[in-house]
Amino acid sequence: MKAMIFAAGLGTRLKPLTDTIPKALVPIGGKPLLQHIIGKLKAAGFDEIIINVHHFAEQIIDFVEANRHFDIRIEFSDEREKLLDTGGGIKKASPFFNDHKPFLIHNVDILSNLDLTRLYADHLTRNPFATLVCNERETSRYLLFDSNNRLKGWINEKTGEVKSPFPNFDPRHYRKLAFAGIQILQPSIFQYMNGLPDRFSIIEFYLSMCDQKELTCYIPDNLKLIDVGKTDSLQEAAQFLNQ
């Protein structure tokens, strides 16, 4: 099975650590974040991985090569020239996903107890355009789903901004969920990216498509998730790994 790890971000919320190393190599419990994610993917049966790189890209490449690619196929999608955002990053990596099978995308800074094997099996059973792992947690920006767990819109509760392709959309009628940074996509998604700019957000892309395609949420039971995006989350992440 194939997967992509988003590791190209600048890691600005983790400064000053990321002044000298990429976010992917920030150590948690004695191991870099990237190693934790690769290990989780391997344990779930994902044995072909592509990693997008930008900030201190050479360090990430050298780390993977020093560990003999963790005994699986690992390639890199080079975004050193320009960061492509989430949608553009997936589009650039499209040649890697040439087996016509669904593939997983995992943010490098997300640690969780999510059963990836179960997630993948659920996607195969329902076969939507994309499956987005979500949960109920406090944030400022929410994805909005109907009673059938289909994506219908988005809201920023701080600014009041609402996005949806549906006319007269009322966010009060939909379930608010936070995206967990883990998703499974159908390879057919790439044909809908033709003509899009190099750089675009995958969430914006989903919001432009959710009136045409089935984009669903997967809500795991008892999900424990740590977004290792800020320095004050590092200790919490280390404690999570020790559980």
Protein backbone atom coordinates (compact mmCIF):
# COMPACT_ATOMS: atom_id res chain seq x y z
CA MET A 1 0.00 0.00 0.00
CA LYS A 2 1.11 3.53 -0.75
CA ALA A 3 1.17 6.62 1.43
CA MET A 4 2.44 10.19 1.46
CA ILE A 5 3.86 12.06 4.43
CA PHE A 6 3.51 15.84 4.42
CA ALA A 7 6.89 17.02 5.70
CA ALA A 8 7.55 20.16 3.67
CA GLY A 9 6.24 22.74 6.13
CA LEU A 10 8.38 25.47 7.62
CA GLY A 11 7.47 24.55 11.19
CA THR A 12 7.20 28.19 12.22
CA ARG A 13 5.18 27.34 15.33
CA LEU A 14 8.06 25.17 16.55
CA LYS A 15 10.68 27.92 16.45
CA PRO A 16 13.43 28.16 17.61
CA LEU A 17 13.82 24.37 17.13
CA THR A 18 13.08 24.66 13.42
CA ASP A 19 15.68 27.36 12.92
CA THR A 20 18.23 24.55 12.52
CA ILE A 21 16.24 21.39 11.75
CA PRO A 22 13.05 20.60 9.83
CA LYS A 23 9.85 19.93 11.77
CA ALA A 24 9.98 16.31 10.60
CA LEU A 25 13.19 15.74 12.56
CA VAL A 26 12.09 17.34 15.83
CA PRO A 27 12.69 14.60 18.43
CA ILE A 28 9.84 13.18 20.49
CA GLY A 29 10.71 10.47 22.99
CA GLY A 30 14.18 10.09 21.51
CA LYS A 31 13.03 9.67 17.90
CA PRO A 32 12.26 12.23 15.19
CA LEU A 33 8.60 12.79 14.34
CA LEU A 34 9.21 11.39 10.87
CA GLN A 35 10.47 8.10 12.27
CA HIS A 36 7.36 7.74 14.42
CA ILE A 37 5.10 8.26 11.39
CA ILE A 38 7.08 5.92 9.14
CA GLY A 39 6.92 3.26 11.85
CA LYS A 40 3.16 3.65 12.22
CA LEU A 41 2.64 3.42 8.47
CA LYS A 42 4.87 0.35 8.18
CA ALA A 43 3.04 -1.40 11.01
CA ALA A 44 -0.24 -0.85 9.14
CA GLY A 45 1.12 -2.38 5.93
CA PHE A 46 2.12 0.76 4.01
CA ASP A 47 5.39 -0.24 2.38
CA GLU A 48 5.71 2.44 -0.31
CA ILE A 49 5.97 6.01 0.95
CA ILE A 50 6.67 9.37 -0.64
CA ILE A 51 7.70 12.35 1.50
CA ASN A 52 7.44 15.93 0.30
CA VAL A 53 10.37 18.09 1.38
CA HIS A 54 11.21 21.80 1.40
CA HIS A 55 12.58 23.25 4.66
CA PHE A 56 16.02 21.69 5.36
CA ALA A 57 15.13 19.06 2.76
CA GLU A 58 18.67 17.67 2.69
CA GLN A 59 18.48 16.79 6.38
CA ILE A 60 15.33 14.73 5.84
CA ILE A 61 16.76 12.94 2.82
CA ASP A 62 20.04 12.22 4.64
CA PHE A 63 18.14 10.88 7.67
CA VAL A 64 16.07 8.47 5.60
CA GLU A 65 19.10 7.30 3.64
CA ALA A 66 21.15 6.84 6.83
CA ASN A 67 18.41 4.51 8.05
CA ARG A 68 18.45 2.52 4.78
CA HIS A 69 14.99 3.82 3.89
CA PHE A 70 13.65 1.87 6.89
CA ASP A 71 13.71 -1.26 4.68
CA ILE A 72 10.81 -0.13 2.52
CA ARG A 73 10.44 1.95 -0.64
CA ILE A 74 10.71 5.63 0.28
CA GLU A 75 10.91 8.39 -2.31
CA PHE A 76 10.88 12.18 -2.08
CA SER A 77 8.79 14.86 -3.74
CA ASP A 78 11.08 17.87 -3.98
CA GLU A 79 9.41 21.20 -3.21
CA ARG A 80 12.63 23.06 -2.43
CA GLU A 81 11.99 25.52 -5.25
CA LYS A 82 8.48 26.40 -4.05
CA LEU A 83 6.11 25.20 -1.34
CA LEU A 84 3.01 23.85 -3.06
CA ASP A 85 0.53 23.70 -0.16
CA THR A 86 -1.37 20.48 0.54
CA GLY A 87 -3.26 20.12 -2.74
CA GLY A 88 -0.31 21.12 -4.89
CA GLY A 89 1.91 18.74 -2.95
CA ILE A 90 -0.42 15.82 -3.66
CA LYS A 91 -0.69 16.79 -7.32
CA LYS A 92 3.10 16.94 -7.74
CA ALA A 93 3.46 13.48 -6.19
CA SER A 94 0.81 11.96 -8.50
CA PRO A 95 3.26 9.86 -10.61
CA PHE A 96 4.07 7.87 -7.46
CA PHE A 97 0.46 6.73 -7.12
CA ASN A 98 0.29 4.74 -10.36
CA ASP A 99 -1.23 1.48 -9.09
CA HIS A 100 -4.86 2.65 -9.30
CA LYS A 101 -5.40 1.99 -5.59
CA PRO A 102 -6.46 4.36 -2.81
CA PHE A 103 -3.59 5.99 -0.96
CA LEU A 104 -3.13 7.55 2.46
CA ILE A 105 -1.89 11.05 3.32
CA HIS A 106 -0.49 11.68 6.82
CA ASN A 107 0.79 14.94 8.29
CA VAL A 108 4.23 14.47 9.84
CA ASP A 109 3.27 16.37 13.00
CA ILE A 110 0.23 14.28 13.96
CA LEU A 111 0.62 11.53 16.56
CA SER A 112 -2.42 9.39 17.31
CA ASN A 113 -3.75 6.01 18.36
CA LEU A 114 -5.65 5.73 15.08
CA ASP A 115 -5.85 2.24 13.58
CA LEU A 116 -4.73 2.95 10.01
CA THR A 117 -5.53 -0.58 8.84
CA ARG A 118 -9.12 -0.19 9.97
CA LEU A 119 -9.31 3.25 8.36
CA TYR A 120 -8.12 1.89 5.02
CA ALA A 121 -10.54 -1.05 5.18
CA ASP A 122 -13.41 1.33 5.93
CA HIS A 123 -12.51 3.43 2.90
CA LEU A 124 -12.43 0.34 0.66
CA THR A 125 -15.85 -0.70 1.93
CA ARG A 126 -17.53 2.64 1.29
CA ASN A 127 -15.35 3.72 -1.65
CA PRO A 128 -15.87 7.50 -1.47
CA PHE A 129 -13.85 10.07 -3.40
CA ALA A 130 -11.94 10.81 -0.20
CA THR A 131 -12.12 9.87 3.48
CA LEU A 132 -11.08 12.53 5.97
CA VAL A 133 -10.28 11.54 9.54
CA CYS A 134 -12.09 13.97 11.84
CA ASN A 135 -13.05 14.32 15.46
CA GLU A 136 -14.89 16.61 17.81
CA ARG A 137 -12.34 18.95 19.34
CA GLU A 138 -12.15 22.66 19.90
CA THR A 139 -10.64 24.66 17.07
CA SER A 140 -11.48 27.79 15.10
CA ARG A 141 -12.00 26.18 11.70
CA TYR A 142 -14.40 23.31 11.17
CA LEU A 143 -15.47 21.07 8.33
CA LEU A 144 -19.25 20.74 8.13
CA PHE A 145 -20.89 17.37 7.47
CA ASP A 146 -24.47 16.25 6.98
CA SER A 147 -26.19 13.36 8.77
CA ASN A 148 -24.67 10.92 6.25
CA ASN A 149 -21.15 12.13 7.09
CA ARG A 150 -20.76 13.86 3.74
CA LEU A 151 -18.79 17.09 3.49
CA LYS A 152 -20.96 20.12 2.75
CA GLY A 153 -18.98 23.15 3.85
CA TRP A 154 -16.48 24.90 6.12
CA ILE A 155 -16.59 27.61 8.76
CA ASN A 156 -14.07 29.84 10.50
CA GLU A 157 -15.75 30.65 13.79
CA LYS A 158 -13.31 33.44 14.62
CA THR A 159 -14.07 35.42 11.48
CA GLY A 160 -17.52 34.07 10.65
CA GLU A 161 -16.36 33.11 7.15
CA VAL A 162 -18.34 30.25 5.58
CA LYS A 163 -17.51 28.31 2.43
CA SER A 164 -19.77 25.90 0.57
CA PRO A 165 -20.75 25.26 -3.07
CA PHE A 166 -24.39 24.87 -2.00
CA PRO A 167 -26.68 27.91 -2.34
CA ASN A 168 -28.27 29.37 0.80
CA PHE A 169 -25.97 27.22 2.93
CA ASP A 170 -26.69 27.46 6.67
CA PRO A 171 -23.85 26.03 8.79
CA ARG A 172 -26.14 25.66 11.81
CA HIS A 173 -27.73 22.62 10.17
CA TYR A 174 -24.50 20.65 9.94
CA ARG A 175 -22.13 18.83 12.24
CA LYS A 176 -18.88 20.63 13.03
CA LEU A 177 -15.78 18.44 13.00
CA ALA A 178 -12.06 19.15 13.14
CA PHE A 179 -9.84 17.62 10.47
CA ALA A 180 -7.12 15.40 11.93
CA GLY A 181 -4.52 15.70 9.15
CA ILE A 182 -4.99 12.11 7.96
CA GLN A 183 -6.92 11.15 4.83
CA ILE A 184 -7.36 8.52 2.14
CA LEU A 185 -7.88 9.50 -1.49
CA GLN A 186 -8.98 7.73 -4.64
CA PRO A 187 -6.39 7.94 -7.46
CA SER A 188 -9.13 9.29 -9.73
CA ILE A 189 -8.74 12.55 -7.83
CA PHE A 190 -5.84 13.54 -10.07
CA GLN A 191 -7.97 13.93 -13.18
CA TYR A 192 -9.90 16.68 -11.38
CA MET A 193 -6.66 18.52 -10.58
CA ASN A 194 -5.80 19.05 -14.24
CA GLY A 195 -5.67 22.75 -14.98
CA LEU A 196 -5.31 23.79 -11.35
CA PRO A 197 -2.34 25.96 -10.34
CA ASP A 198 0.79 24.36 -8.91
CA ARG A 199 -0.04 25.63 -5.44
CA PHE A 200 -3.46 25.08 -3.84
CA SER A 201 -5.08 23.79 -0.65
CA ILE A 202 -6.57 20.31 -0.64
CA ILE A 203 -9.36 21.51 1.66
CA GLU A 204 -10.25 24.30 -0.77
CA PHE A 205 -10.25 21.67 -3.52
CA TYR A 206 -12.61 19.45 -1.53
CA LEU A 207 -14.94 22.36 -0.88
CA SER A 208 -15.10 23.03 -4.62
CA MET A 209 -15.98 19.38 -5.27
CA CYS A 210 -18.28 18.36 -2.42
CA ASP A 211 -21.44 19.06 -4.40
CA GLN A 212 -20.25 16.64 -7.10
CA LYS A 213 -18.29 13.93 -5.27
CA GLU A 214 -18.72 11.93 -2.09
CA LEU A 215 -16.26 13.29 0.47
CA THR A 216 -16.81 11.62 3.81
CA CYS A 217 -15.50 11.76 7.35
CA TYR A 218 -14.16 8.90 9.41
CA ILE A 219 -14.70 9.41 13.14
CA PRO A 220 -12.67 6.90 15.16
CA ASP A 221 -13.84 5.72 18.55
CA ASN A 222 -11.76 7.03 21.47
CA LEU A 223 -9.33 8.86 19.22
CA LYS A 224 -6.31 10.29 20.99
CA LEU A 225 -4.46 12.80 18.85
CA ILE A 226 -1.60 15.21 19.43
CA ASP A 227 -0.86 17.99 16.96
CA VAL A 228 2.87 18.51 17.52
CA GLY A 229 2.75 21.97 16.04
CA LYS A 230 3.88 24.11 18.95
CA THR A 231 6.74 23.84 21.43
CA ASP A 232 4.29 23.53 24.33
CA SER A 233 2.91 20.32 22.77
CA LEU A 234 6.27 18.51 22.80
CA GLN A 235 6.02 17.33 26.40
CA GLU A 236 2.41 16.22 25.88
CA ALA A 237 3.52 14.28 22.78
CA ALA A 238 6.32 12.53 24.71
CA GLN A 239 3.85 11.55 27.44
CA PHE A 240 1.43 10.25 24.80
CA LEU A 241 4.11 7.97 23.36
CA ASN A 242 4.92 6.61 26.81
CA GLN A 243 1.34 5.49 27.45
